[in-house]
Amino acid sequence: MKKLILCSLFLATALLSFSQSQRFILFEEFTQASCGPCAQQNPAFDALLNSNATKCTSIKYHTNWPGYDPMNLQNPADVAARVSYYGVTGVPYACMDGTPIAGGNYLGAPANLSQAKIDAEYAIPSTFNLWMNHQVSPGNDSIYVTMLGECTEAVSGNLVGQIGVIEKHIHFASPPGTNGEKDFYNVMKKMLPTASGTALASSFEVGDYFIIQGSWLLANVYTLSELSSVGFIQINGSKSIQQGANSSTAPLTMLHDNDVELMAASNYSTTNCSGTISPQINVRNNGNHAVTSLTVKYYVNSGAPASFTWNGNLATLKETVISLPAYTFAPEASNTLHIYTDLVNDVTDEYPKNDSTSAIIASAPATTNYALFELRTDKAPQETTWDLKNSSGTVIDSGGPYALPSHGYVDTVHLAGGGCYTFTLYDAGGNGICCSNGSGGYQLKTSTGVLIKQGGSFGSSEFVELKMDFPAAIEQFEKGSMKVYPNPFSGEARVTFYLLNPENVVLNLYNSTGQLVKSVNKGTFAAGDQECTIDAGSLPSGIYMLKMQAGAQVHICKVSVSK
């Protein structure tokens, strides 16, 4: 008896660790309102699909050949992408779970489908469970779709999640094409976000899951109540479809009760010289319970983790941005930021695989007393501005707004003193300068042309840290003790120094490239503590090196002219 019980327990454990899912078949058909063979084969094909509605679903792509079809004209790009994906050269053409339907007719003919083929495919277990929800906005102008997939058997490959918004039934009073058809089913209206779908992880283990959310601003919808969506998981390359699903308006039941996904980290510079970072994180509630508290921990390199607890009320599948307090660290040549969520509603997160993120932060690049900002404006140049702040948060330089759209600009960004600076690019429209409003972009470079940062795809702003340094020519000077105040100065500054012997004193001022720009003979001074002055005169703002020559005695210090 004991042996029997042990065997039963082992069998139960094995089934739990290897639990496949019931397959829901997806049919994709390429058809056309002016295609004669389509009109001949579609009635029997649609009837067979309808009689197996508990086993399968479909999505229909209306091509632009052989004749006229208004449903293709409404979204030819997505149709063309799927035509190319399968290499379709004629219609009607149908695939079952990514494989052309074979039989007595030509390969891919809908007429090749039979009940036996549906039953055989339905009997093959799937590697995923798949659920979908769709909602039309209160204003009836948009549709929002959510797909939830759960792995039930380990799988790997070039996996992609596909969502197609469909109109389940379109009826025309008279045929829109030349083949006589007036009724069309599961017509693809839009692929979300595009016909390429959403790339998924390259491998899944049992219990892993994913969520895809998408939306579409409605266009060319015949009957609003017929809107729905179809989803599927496909392996690019083999084109094998792992699972399909229809959407409904019923709320999704999530896989865990207390589960938060750390989706992204932002608001930090990819380079650092300040030794301070104040990141923001974007989190989504993937659990059934509303999140009222969330503990986040974060650190840089091997520093002690800081802990922050957020309190609020985050409903299922809603997102929020959390700003974390500043964290101080000693910058190294390469730094790693670590962030992870710890407790959800005061309990351990039930799915820890999506709770953490990390980022590499390089040492801030050095420039001289200026940097170069190269900008390509988008279609709204008046929204683009920038500024440069020193370590105290004071704006040292700024630029914009700009006048010409899709135009190239080059600005000089002036620094005023050694130390760490923050360059910030702003977009008043909140959509960056790339992609959504033209093809703008930018590059920030050191005075010698070394790239500091480039981009253009951001929201309201993005920033980067840089520091000021002197070229090697300046650093070759012998160094000693000398004080200049005030520093920075705009007019006259006092220079104090100590002489070992009575000497004639000469003050030489060099710019950041090591060029002598001012030389003043101050005359002879006695030994001991001494003081003289130097006038900035017409010198432009910037960083300079002041060298005092008194016989064999030399003093060097950096000074800043700020006007």
Protein backbone atom coordinates (compact mmCIF):
# COMPACT_ATOMS: atom_id res chain seq x y z
CA MET A 1 0.00 0.00 0.00
CA LYS A 2 2.81 2.42 0.87
CA LYS A 3 4.47 1.77 -2.50
CA LEU A 4 1.20 2.53 -4.29
CA ILE A 5 0.78 5.82 -2.42
CA LEU A 6 4.35 6.83 -3.23
CA CYS A 7 3.84 6.05 -6.90
CA SER A 8 0.62 8.06 -6.95
CA LEU A 9 2.36 11.05 -5.34
CA PHE A 10 5.19 10.84 -7.87
CA LEU A 11 2.72 10.73 -10.77
CA ALA A 12 0.84 13.75 -9.42
CA THR A 13 4.06 15.72 -9.03
CA ALA A 14 5.15 14.83 -12.56
CA LEU A 15 1.82 15.98 -13.99
CA LEU A 16 2.04 19.29 -12.14
CA SER A 17 5.54 19.96 -13.49
CA PHE A 18 4.60 19.02 -17.06
CA SER A 19 1.10 20.35 -17.61
CA GLN A 20 0.33 21.20 -21.22
CA SER A 21 -2.63 23.31 -22.36
CA GLN A 22 -5.63 22.66 -24.55
CA ARG A 23 -4.89 24.00 -28.01
CA PHE A 24 -7.15 26.66 -29.57
CA ILE A 25 -6.48 26.57 -33.31
CA LEU A 26 -5.85 29.72 -35.33
CA PHE A 27 -6.73 29.89 -39.02
CA GLU A 28 -5.36 32.71 -41.15
CA GLU A 29 -6.95 33.19 -44.56
CA PHE A 30 -5.89 35.47 -47.40
CA THR A 31 -8.98 36.32 -49.41
CA GLN A 32 -10.43 39.02 -51.69
CA ALA A 33 -13.82 40.46 -52.63
CA SER A 34 -13.06 40.17 -56.36
CA CYS A 35 -11.59 36.66 -56.23
CA GLY A 36 -13.81 34.03 -57.90
CA PRO A 37 -12.28 30.96 -56.17
CA CYS A 38 -12.66 32.79 -52.83
CA ALA A 39 -16.41 33.05 -53.33
CA GLN A 40 -16.51 29.36 -54.23
CA GLN A 41 -14.51 28.09 -51.22
CA ASN A 42 -15.35 30.55 -48.45
CA PRO A 43 -18.93 29.43 -47.66
CA ALA A 44 -17.94 25.85 -46.80
CA PHE A 45 -14.74 27.03 -45.10
CA ASP A 46 -16.62 29.56 -42.91
CA ALA A 47 -19.31 27.01 -42.09
CA LEU A 48 -16.70 24.54 -40.90
CA LEU A 49 -15.00 27.19 -38.75
CA ASN A 50 -18.31 28.27 -37.28
CA SER A 51 -19.30 24.71 -36.36
CA ASN A 52 -15.98 24.38 -34.49
CA ALA A 53 -16.13 27.72 -32.69
CA THR A 54 -15.07 26.05 -29.40
CA LYS A 55 -11.94 24.66 -31.04
CA CYS A 56 -10.72 27.43 -33.32
CA THR A 57 -10.80 31.03 -34.43
CA SER A 58 -9.70 32.89 -37.54
CA ILE A 59 -8.42 36.15 -38.94
CA LYS A 60 -8.94 37.15 -42.58
CA TYR A 61 -6.49 39.32 -44.54
CA HIS A 62 -8.00 40.99 -47.62
CA THR A 63 -5.35 41.38 -50.34
CA ASN A 64 -5.17 44.06 -53.05
CA TRP A 65 -5.36 41.52 -55.88
CA PRO A 66 -6.86 40.23 -58.14
CA GLY A 67 -9.37 43.12 -58.12
CA TYR A 68 -11.08 45.77 -56.03
CA ASP A 69 -11.64 45.26 -52.30
CA PRO A 70 -12.50 48.18 -49.99
CA MET A 71 -11.40 46.21 -46.93
CA ASN A 72 -7.86 46.06 -48.25
CA LEU A 73 -7.81 49.79 -48.93
CA GLN A 74 -8.47 50.43 -45.24
CA ASN A 75 -5.17 48.84 -44.16
CA PRO A 76 -3.04 47.60 -47.06
CA ALA A 77 0.27 47.77 -45.14
CA ASP A 78 -0.58 45.18 -42.46
CA VAL A 79 -2.05 42.84 -45.08
CA ALA A 80 1.05 43.17 -47.27
CA ALA A 81 3.27 42.35 -44.30
CA ARG A 82 1.43 39.11 -43.58
CA VAL A 83 1.39 38.23 -47.30
CA SER A 84 5.16 38.63 -47.36
CA TYR A 85 5.55 36.68 -44.10
CA TYR A 86 3.89 33.59 -45.59
CA GLY A 87 5.02 34.17 -49.19
CA VAL A 88 1.45 34.16 -50.46
CA THR A 89 1.16 34.46 -54.25
CA GLY A 90 -2.51 33.68 -54.81
CA VAL A 91 -5.90 33.73 -53.08
CA PRO A 92 -7.70 32.09 -51.44
CA TYR A 93 -4.90 30.80 -49.24
CA ALA A 94 -5.30 29.51 -45.70
CA CYS A 95 -2.97 28.39 -42.91
CA MET A 96 -3.80 26.31 -39.85
CA ASP A 97 -1.55 27.25 -36.90
CA GLY A 98 1.00 28.71 -39.31
CA THR A 99 1.05 25.78 -41.77
CA PRO A 100 -0.65 25.97 -45.21
CA ILE A 101 -3.59 23.57 -45.35
CA ALA A 102 -2.64 20.65 -47.60
CA GLY A 103 -4.95 18.34 -49.49
CA GLY A 104 -6.37 17.42 -52.87
CA ASN A 105 -6.51 21.02 -54.08
CA TYR A 106 -3.50 23.33 -54.27
CA LEU A 107 -1.44 23.93 -51.11
CA GLY A 108 -3.22 26.45 -48.90
CA ALA A 109 -6.68 26.01 -50.42
CA PRO A 110 -9.43 26.55 -47.81
CA ALA A 111 -11.27 23.68 -49.49
CA ASN A 112 -8.56 21.34 -48.18
CA LEU A 113 -9.83 21.77 -44.61
CA SER A 114 -11.83 18.95 -43.05
CA GLN A 115 -13.28 18.09 -39.68
CA ALA A 116 -10.67 15.37 -39.31
CA LYS A 117 -7.85 17.90 -39.75
CA ILE A 118 -9.38 20.22 -37.18
CA ASP A 119 -9.77 17.36 -34.71
CA ALA A 120 -6.19 16.19 -35.26
CA GLU A 121 -4.74 19.68 -34.70
CA TYR A 122 -6.99 20.26 -31.69
CA ALA A 123 -5.64 17.08 -30.09
CA ILE A 124 -2.06 18.42 -30.09
CA PRO A 125 -1.37 20.05 -26.69
CA SER A 126 -0.26 23.66 -26.60
CA THR A 127 2.71 25.12 -24.74
CA PHE A 128 0.71 28.15 -23.53
CA ASN A 129 -2.55 29.23 -22.00
CA LEU A 130 -3.76 32.45 -23.63
CA TRP A 131 -6.44 34.92 -22.53
CA MET A 132 -7.52 38.22 -24.07
CA ASN A 133 -9.66 41.19 -23.15
CA HIS A 134 -10.82 44.11 -25.27
CA GLN A 135 -12.59 47.32 -24.35
CA VAL A 136 -13.93 50.10 -26.56
CA SER A 137 -13.38 53.55 -25.10
CA PRO A 138 -16.38 55.45 -23.65
CA GLY A 139 -16.18 57.83 -26.58
CA ASN A 140 -16.26 54.92 -29.06
CA ASP A 141 -13.09 56.18 -30.72
CA SER A 142 -10.51 53.62 -29.58
CA ILE A 143 -10.16 49.95 -28.72
CA TYR A 144 -7.83 48.69 -26.00
CA VAL A 145 -6.61 45.08 -26.02
CA THR A 146 -4.77 43.08 -23.36
CA MET A 147 -3.20 39.65 -23.92
CA LEU A 148 -2.09 37.40 -21.05
CA GLY A 149 -0.04 34.31 -21.85
CA GLU A 150 1.14 31.59 -19.44
CA CYS A 151 3.73 28.98 -20.34
CA THR A 152 2.68 25.41 -19.48
CA GLU A 153 5.54 23.58 -21.22
CA ALA A 154 9.09 24.88 -21.64
CA VAL A 155 9.60 26.38 -25.07
CA SER A 156 12.24 28.45 -26.84
CA GLY A 157 12.68 30.19 -30.16
CA ASN A 158 12.04 33.51 -31.86
CA LEU A 159 8.69 33.95 -30.15
CA VAL A 160 6.33 36.79 -30.98
CA GLY A 161 2.90 37.77 -29.67
CA GLN A 162 0.43 38.87 -32.33
CA ILE A 163 -2.79 40.82 -31.81
CA GLY A 164 -5.24 41.50 -34.61
CA VAL A 165 -8.24 43.79 -34.21
CA ILE A 166 -11.05 42.28 -36.25
CA GLU A 167 -14.57 43.05 -37.37
CA LYS A 168 -16.40 39.76 -36.85
CA HIS A 169 -19.06 40.28 -39.52
CA ILE A 170 -19.26 42.83 -42.31
CA HIS A 171 -22.38 42.76 -44.48
CA PHE A 172 -22.78 44.73 -47.68
CA ALA A 173 -26.17 45.36 -49.26
CA SER A 174 -24.56 44.70 -52.61
CA PRO A 175 -21.24 42.94 -53.35
CA PRO A 176 -18.28 45.35 -52.91
CA GLY A 177 -16.19 43.37 -55.39
CA THR A 178 -16.84 41.30 -58.49
CA ASN A 179 -17.17 37.80 -56.98
CA GLY A 180 -20.67 38.24 -55.55
CA GLU A 181 -19.77 37.91 -51.86
CA LYS A 182 -21.66 40.22 -49.51
CA ASP A 183 -20.74 38.74 -46.11
CA PHE A 184 -17.21 38.68 -44.71
CA TYR A 185 -16.02 37.32 -41.36
CA ASN A 186 -13.23 38.12 -38.90
CA VAL A 187 -11.79 40.77 -41.19
CA MET A 188 -8.46 42.13 -39.96
CA LYS A 189 -8.65 45.87 -39.27
CA LYS A 190 -5.33 46.49 -37.52
CA MET A 191 -2.36 44.49 -36.22
CA LEU A 192 -1.09 45.74 -32.84
CA PRO A 193 1.26 47.43 -32.51
CA THR A 194 2.29 46.51 -36.06
CA ALA A 195 2.22 43.44 -38.28
CA SER A 196 5.57 42.44 -36.75
CA GLY A 197 3.88 41.86 -33.41
CA THR A 198 5.59 42.07 -30.03
CA ALA A 199 8.84 40.22 -29.45
CA LEU A 200 8.68 37.87 -26.47
CA ALA A 201 11.42 36.28 -24.40
CA SER A 202 13.52 33.77 -26.34
CA SER A 203 12.69 31.03 -23.85
CA PHE A 204 9.93 30.30 -21.35
CA GLU A 205 9.81 27.94 -18.42
CA VAL A 206 6.64 26.49 -16.93
CA GLY A 207 4.89 29.23 -14.95
CA ASP A 208 6.47 32.12 -16.85
CA TYR A 209 4.01 34.60 -18.27
CA PHE A 210 3.80 37.73 -20.39
CA ILE A 211 1.37 40.61 -20.83
CA ILE A 212 0.90 42.64 -24.02
CA GLN A 213 -1.26 45.74 -24.13
CA GLY A 214 -2.17 47.68 -27.26
CA SER A 215 -4.66 50.20 -28.57
CA TRP A 216 -5.98 51.45 -31.88
CA LEU A 217 -7.69 54.70 -32.81
CA LEU A 218 -10.69 53.38 -34.73
CA ALA A 219 -10.95 54.01 -38.46
CA ASN A 220 -13.20 52.62 -41.20
CA VAL A 221 -15.29 50.47 -38.84
CA TYR A 222 -18.58 49.36 -40.38
CA THR A 223 -20.35 48.13 -37.20
CA LEU A 224 -18.93 49.06 -33.81
CA SER A 225 -20.57 46.16 -32.00
CA GLU A 226 -18.76 43.69 -34.28
CA LEU A 227 -15.32 44.82 -33.13
CA SER A 228 -13.20 42.24 -31.33
CA SER A 229 -9.65 40.92 -31.41
CA VAL A 230 -7.79 37.70 -32.10
CA GLY A 231 -4.40 36.85 -30.65
CA PHE A 232 -1.77 34.21 -31.16
CA ILE A 233 1.76 33.21 -30.19
CA GLN A 234 4.00 32.37 -33.13
CA ILE A 235 7.59 31.21 -33.58
CA ASN A 236 9.16 33.20 -36.39
CA GLY A 237 11.20 31.00 -38.67
CA SER A 238 9.13 27.85 -38.37
CA LYS A 239 5.96 30.01 -38.34
CA SER A 240 4.48 27.49 -35.91
CA ILE A 241 1.63 28.96 -33.87
CA GLN A 242 1.70 27.78 -30.28
CA GLN A 243 -1.70 29.04 -29.19
CA GLY A 244 -4.60 31.22 -30.35
CA ALA A 245 -7.35 33.09 -28.54
CA ASN A 246 -10.44 35.22 -28.99
CA SER A 247 -10.94 38.27 -26.81
CA SER A 248 -13.93 39.12 -24.68
CA THR A 249 -14.98 42.11 -22.58
CA ALA A 250 -14.80 40.06 -19.37
CA PRO A 251 -11.99 41.22 -17.02
CA LEU A 252 -8.90 39.03 -17.03
CA THR A 253 -8.12 36.92 -13.98
CA MET A 254 -4.44 37.39 -13.29
CA LEU A 255 -2.15 34.50 -12.39
CA HIS A 256 -1.14 35.90 -8.97
CA ASP A 257 -2.75 38.07 -6.32
CA ASN A 258 0.25 40.19 -5.27
CA ASP A 259 2.48 40.72 -8.27
CA VAL A 260 4.16 43.94 -9.45
CA GLU A 261 6.27 44.19 -12.60
CA LEU A 262 9.16 46.65 -12.66
CA MET A 263 8.82 47.72 -16.27
CA ALA A 264 11.51 50.39 -16.66
CA ALA A 265 13.87 52.71 -14.84
CA SER A 266 14.46 56.29 -15.94
CA ASN A 267 15.51 59.76 -14.78
CA TYR A 268 19.18 58.93 -14.46
CA SER A 269 22.20 59.91 -16.51
CA THR A 270 23.99 57.20 -18.45
CA THR A 271 27.20 58.90 -17.31
CA ASN A 272 27.96 60.17 -13.83
CA CYS A 273 30.41 62.49 -12.10
CA SER A 274 28.15 63.88 -9.35
CA GLY A 275 28.02 60.68 -7.32
CA THR A 276 24.26 61.16 -6.92
CA ILE A 277 21.37 59.44 -8.66
CA SER A 278 17.59 59.87 -8.22
CA PRO A 279 15.96 57.26 -10.46
CA GLN A 280 12.31 56.82 -11.29
CA ILE A 281 10.68 53.46 -11.93
CA ASN A 282 7.61 52.56 -13.93
CA VAL A 283 5.67 49.70 -12.31
CA ARG A 284 2.51 47.84 -13.30
CA ASN A 285 0.20 45.88 -11.05
CA ASN A 286 -0.02 42.39 -12.59
CA GLY A 287 -1.90 40.95 -9.62
CA ASN A 288 -5.56 40.51 -8.77
CA HIS A 289 -5.27 42.61 -5.60
CA ALA A 290 -4.93 46.38 -5.70
CA VAL A 291 -1.45 47.46 -4.64
CA THR A 292 -1.58 49.79 -1.65
CA SER A 293 2.08 49.55 -0.63
CA LEU A 294 5.27 48.66 -2.47
CA THR A 295 8.79 48.51 -1.04
CA VAL A 296 11.61 49.25 -3.48
CA LYS A 297 15.33 48.74 -2.84
CA TYR A 298 18.15 50.14 -4.92
CA TYR A 299 21.92 50.63 -4.83
CA VAL A 300 24.95 51.37 -7.00
CA ASN A 301 27.92 49.01 -7.33
CA SER A 302 28.36 47.24 -3.97
CA GLY A 303 26.87 50.03 -1.87
CA ALA A 304 24.35 49.45 0.91
CA PRO A 305 20.79 49.23 -0.51
CA ALA A 306 18.44 52.13 0.13
CA SER A 307 14.80 51.28 0.85
CA PHE A 308 11.72 53.27 -0.14
CA THR A 309 8.07 52.38 0.47
CA TRP A 310 5.42 53.75 -1.87
CA ASN A 311 1.82 53.98 -0.68
CA GLY A 312 -1.22 54.47 -2.89
CA ASN A 313 -3.92 52.47 -4.66
CA LEU A 314 -2.88 50.83 -7.92
CA ALA A 315 -5.59 48.76 -9.61
CA THR A 316 -4.97 45.63 -11.67
CA LEU A 317 -3.05 46.30 -14.91
CA LYS A 318 -2.61 49.97 -14.06
CA GLU A 319 0.79 51.63 -14.08
CA THR A 320 2.44 54.35 -12.02
CA VAL A 321 5.78 56.14 -11.88
CA ILE A 322 7.61 56.17 -8.54
CA SER A 323 10.35 58.69 -7.83
CA LEU A 324 13.07 57.30 -5.58
CA PRO A 325 15.06 59.51 -3.17
CA ALA A 326 18.62 60.45 -4.10
CA TYR A 327 21.30 57.80 -3.64
CA THR A 328 24.93 58.85 -3.10
CA PHE A 329 27.90 56.77 -4.25
CA ALA A 330 31.54 57.09 -5.24
CA PRO A 331 31.65 57.11 -9.07
CA GLU A 332 33.94 54.58 -10.70
CA ALA A 333 34.98 54.11 -14.32
CA SER A 334 31.93 51.85 -14.75
CA ASN A 335 29.00 51.74 -12.34
CA THR A 336 25.98 49.44 -12.07
CA LEU A 337 22.61 50.63 -10.82
CA HIS A 338 20.46 47.87 -9.26
CA ILE A 339 16.75 48.30 -8.51
CA TYR A 340 14.29 45.69 -7.29
CA THR A 341 10.87 45.55 -5.72
CA ASP A 342 10.79 43.74 -2.41
CA LEU A 343 7.37 43.64 -0.75
CA VAL A 344 3.93 44.03 -2.32
CA ASN A 345 1.14 44.80 0.14
CA ASP A 346 3.62 43.82 2.88
CA VAL A 347 4.06 40.30 1.48
CA THR A 348 6.72 38.83 -0.82
CA ASP A 349 5.99 39.35 -4.51
CA GLU A 350 4.51 36.10 -5.85
CA TYR A 351 6.36 36.29 -9.18
CA PRO A 352 9.93 37.53 -8.60
CA LYS A 353 11.17 37.08 -12.19
CA ASN A 354 10.02 40.56 -13.26
CA ASP A 355 10.91 42.44 -10.08
CA SER A 356 14.38 43.79 -10.87
CA THR A 357 16.35 45.81 -13.38
CA SER A 358 19.90 47.08 -13.70
CA ALA A 359 21.76 49.64 -15.78
CA ILE A 360 25.40 50.43 -16.55
CA ILE A 361 26.45 54.01 -15.82
CA ALA A 362 29.79 55.12 -17.21
CA SER A 363 32.15 57.70 -15.80
CA ALA A 364 31.20 61.15 -17.10
CA PRO A 365 33.20 62.23 -20.16
CA ALA A 366 35.42 65.27 -19.84
CA THR A 367 35.47 68.31 -22.09
CA THR A 368 37.25 71.66 -21.93
CA ASN A 369 35.39 74.93 -21.43
CA TYR A 370 32.77 74.08 -24.04
CA ALA A 371 30.84 71.22 -25.64
CA LEU A 372 29.11 70.97 -29.03
CA PHE A 373 25.36 70.42 -29.36
CA GLU A 374 24.23 69.25 -32.80
CA LEU A 375 20.46 69.28 -33.28
CA ARG A 376 18.09 68.18 -36.02
CA THR A 377 14.70 69.68 -35.14
CA ASP A 378 11.40 67.87 -35.54
CA LYS A 379 8.17 69.38 -36.88
CA ALA A 380 7.68 71.43 -33.70
CA PRO A 381 11.04 73.18 -33.15
CA GLN A 382 9.47 75.77 -30.86
CA GLU A 383 9.04 73.01 -28.26
CA THR A 384 12.77 72.23 -28.04
CA THR A 385 15.08 73.92 -25.49
CA TRP A 386 18.16 72.95 -23.46
CA ASP A 387 20.18 74.13 -20.51
CA LEU A 388 23.43 73.39 -18.71
CA LYS A 389 23.56 73.43 -14.90
CA ASN A 390 26.58 73.30 -12.64
CA SER A 391 26.85 71.14 -9.53
CA SER A 392 24.91 73.76 -7.53
CA GLY A 393 21.97 73.61 -9.94
CA THR A 394 22.68 77.05 -11.42
CA VAL A 395 21.99 77.42 -15.14
CA ILE A 396 25.30 78.25 -16.84
CA ASP A 397 24.13 78.19 -20.45
CA SER A 398 20.91 77.53 -22.38
CA GLY A 399 19.48 77.41 -25.89
CA GLY A 400 16.26 77.28 -27.90
CA PRO A 401 13.45 77.38 -28.67
CA TYR A 402 14.23 76.94 -32.34
CA ALA A 403 12.50 78.39 -35.38
CA LEU A 404 12.91 76.06 -38.35
CA PRO A 405 11.40 72.55 -38.52
CA SER A 406 13.54 69.64 -39.78
CA HIS A 407 16.59 71.87 -39.72
CA GLY A 408 20.15 71.36 -38.51
CA TYR A 409 21.61 73.55 -35.77
CA VAL A 410 25.01 73.55 -34.02
CA ASP A 411 25.28 75.29 -30.65
CA THR A 412 28.29 75.83 -28.42
CA VAL A 413 27.57 74.87 -24.81
CA HIS A 414 29.76 76.99 -22.53
CA LEU A 415 31.09 75.63 -19.24
CA ALA A 416 32.34 77.99 -16.54
CA GLY A 417 34.61 76.27 -14.03
CA GLY A 418 35.87 72.81 -13.22
CA GLY A 419 33.52 70.21 -11.82
CA CYS A 420 30.41 68.27 -12.79
CA TYR A 421 27.66 69.59 -15.08
CA THR A 422 24.23 68.40 -16.20
CA PHE A 423 23.04 68.98 -19.76
CA THR A 424 19.25 68.64 -20.17
CA LEU A 425 17.23 68.62 -23.39
CA TYR A 426 13.54 69.55 -23.07
CA ASP A 427 10.50 69.01 -25.28
CA ALA A 428 7.46 71.05 -24.24
CA GLY A 429 5.18 68.72 -26.19
CA GLY A 430 6.22 65.75 -24.07
CA ASN A 431 7.01 63.49 -27.04
CA GLY A 432 10.71 64.04 -27.61
CA ILE A 433 12.06 65.10 -30.99
CA CYS A 434 12.15 61.76 -32.77
CA CYS A 435 9.57 59.67 -34.50
CA SER A 436 6.16 60.84 -33.30
CA ASN A 437 6.58 64.39 -34.63
CA GLY A 438 9.20 64.11 -37.35
CA SER A 439 12.65 62.62 -37.52
CA GLY A 440 14.60 64.91 -35.21
CA GLY A 441 17.66 63.90 -33.21
CA TYR A 442 20.70 65.28 -31.45
CA GLN A 443 24.31 64.65 -30.51
CA LEU A 444 26.25 66.20 -27.64
CA LYS A 445 30.02 66.07 -28.14
CA THR A 446 33.12 67.18 -26.29
CA SER A 447 35.19 70.06 -27.67
CA THR A 448 37.36 67.45 -29.40
CA GLY A 449 34.36 65.73 -31.05
CA VAL A 450 33.99 62.73 -28.73
CA LEU A 451 30.33 61.68 -28.46
CA ILE A 452 28.80 62.22 -25.02
CA LYS A 453 25.15 61.38 -25.76
CA GLN A 454 22.80 61.10 -28.70
CA GLY A 455 19.13 60.35 -29.15
CA GLY A 456 15.80 62.06 -29.58
CA SER A 457 13.26 59.46 -28.44
CA PHE A 458 12.19 60.60 -24.98
CA GLY A 459 9.26 62.24 -23.21
CA SER A 460 9.49 65.73 -21.71
CA SER A 461 13.24 65.71 -21.09
CA GLU A 462 16.41 63.68 -20.82
CA PHE A 463 19.79 64.58 -19.38
CA VAL A 464 23.42 63.56 -19.16
CA GLU A 465 26.28 64.45 -16.85
CA LEU A 466 29.67 65.66 -18.08
CA LYS A 467 32.68 67.27 -16.44
CA MET A 468 35.16 69.94 -17.31
CA ASP A 469 38.84 69.17 -17.59
CA PHE A 470 41.91 70.71 -19.16
CA PRO A 471 43.92 69.35 -22.04
CA ALA A 472 47.27 67.73 -21.40
CA ALA A 473 49.10 70.91 -22.49
CA ILE A 474 47.74 72.78 -19.48
CA GLU A 475 48.45 69.97 -17.05
CA GLN A 476 52.14 70.06 -17.94
CA PHE A 477 52.57 73.22 -15.84
CA GLU A 478 54.35 72.92 -12.51
CA LYS A 479 51.89 73.29 -9.63
CA GLY A 480 52.29 75.25 -6.42
CA SER A 481 50.18 77.09 -3.84
CA MET A 482 48.39 80.29 -4.83
CA LYS A 483 44.91 81.63 -4.12
CA VAL A 484 42.66 83.75 -6.32
CA TYR A 485 39.46 85.38 -5.08
CA PRO A 486 36.77 85.86 -6.00
CA ASN A 487 36.82 82.84 -8.27
CA PRO A 488 34.90 82.93 -10.61
CA PHE A 489 35.42 86.65 -11.32
CA SER A 490 34.23 89.01 -14.01
CA GLY A 491 36.44 92.05 -13.52
CA GLU A 492 39.38 92.24 -11.14
CA ALA A 493 40.52 89.41 -8.85
CA ARG A 494 43.03 89.41 -5.99
CA VAL A 495 45.98 87.02 -6.17
CA THR A 496 47.75 86.03 -2.93
CA PHE A 497 51.00 84.08 -2.79
CA TYR A 498 54.16 83.53 -0.73
CA LEU A 499 57.65 84.37 -2.01
CA LEU A 500 60.78 82.70 -0.69
CA ASN A 501 62.96 85.56 -1.95
CA PRO A 502 62.44 89.02 -3.43
CA GLU A 503 61.50 88.46 -7.06
CA ASN A 504 59.98 90.08 -10.11
CA VAL A 505 56.44 88.68 -10.52
CA VAL A 506 54.84 87.96 -13.90
CA LEU A 507 51.23 86.70 -14.23
CA ASN A 508 50.41 84.66 -17.36
CA LEU A 509 46.87 83.57 -18.21
CA TYR A 510 46.30 80.57 -20.52
CA ASN A 511 43.04 79.41 -22.08
CA SER A 512 41.80 75.80 -22.03
CA THR A 513 43.88 74.89 -25.09
CA GLY A 514 47.10 76.10 -23.46
CA GLN A 515 47.32 79.32 -25.46
CA LEU A 516 48.74 82.41 -23.67
CA VAL A 517 45.99 85.06 -23.75
CA LYS A 518 47.24 87.61 -21.20
CA SER A 519 50.62 88.47 -19.63
CA VAL A 520 51.17 91.14 -16.95
CA ASN A 521 54.48 92.14 -15.33
CA LYS A 522 53.56 93.11 -11.77
CA GLY A 523 57.04 94.30 -10.77
CA THR A 524 59.28 93.28 -7.84
CA PHE A 525 57.87 92.01 -4.54
CA ALA A 526 59.62 91.37 -1.23
CA ALA A 527 59.88 87.92 0.35
CA GLY A 528 56.91 86.70 2.39
CA ASP A 529 53.11 86.88 1.94
CA GLN A 530 52.19 89.07 -1.01
CA GLU A 531 49.17 90.16 -2.99
CA CYS A 532 48.47 91.63 -6.40
CA THR A 533 45.54 91.84 -8.83
CA ILE A 534 44.65 90.61 -12.29
CA ASP A 535 41.93 92.04 -14.51
CA ALA A 536 39.84 89.83 -16.79
CA GLY A 537 39.50 92.74 -19.17
CA SER A 538 37.88 91.67 -22.44
CA LEU A 539 38.46 87.97 -21.95
CA PRO A 540 35.39 85.81 -22.71
CA SER A 541 33.79 83.62 -20.08
CA GLY A 542 35.53 80.32 -19.56
CA ILE A 543 38.14 78.39 -17.64
CA TYR A 544 41.74 79.57 -17.62
CA MET A 545 45.03 78.57 -16.04
CA LEU A 546 46.82 81.32 -14.10
CA LYS A 547 50.60 80.93 -13.85
CA MET A 548 52.66 83.13 -11.57
CA GLN A 549 56.38 83.21 -12.42
CA ALA A 550 58.73 84.65 -9.75
CA GLY A 551 62.29 83.74 -10.64
CA ALA A 552 62.58 79.97 -10.14
CA GLN A 553 59.38 79.91 -8.11
CA VAL A 554 56.17 78.99 -9.99
CA HIS A 555 52.56 78.83 -8.82
CA ILE A 556 49.64 77.49 -10.93
CA CYS A 557 45.86 77.47 -10.35
CA LYS A 558 42.65 77.21 -12.36
CA VAL A 559 40.46 80.31 -12.52
CA SER A 560 37.06 80.99 -14.01
CA VAL A 561 35.96 84.14 -15.82
CA SER A 562 32.18 84.57 -15.74
CA LYS A 563 30.53 87.59 -17.33
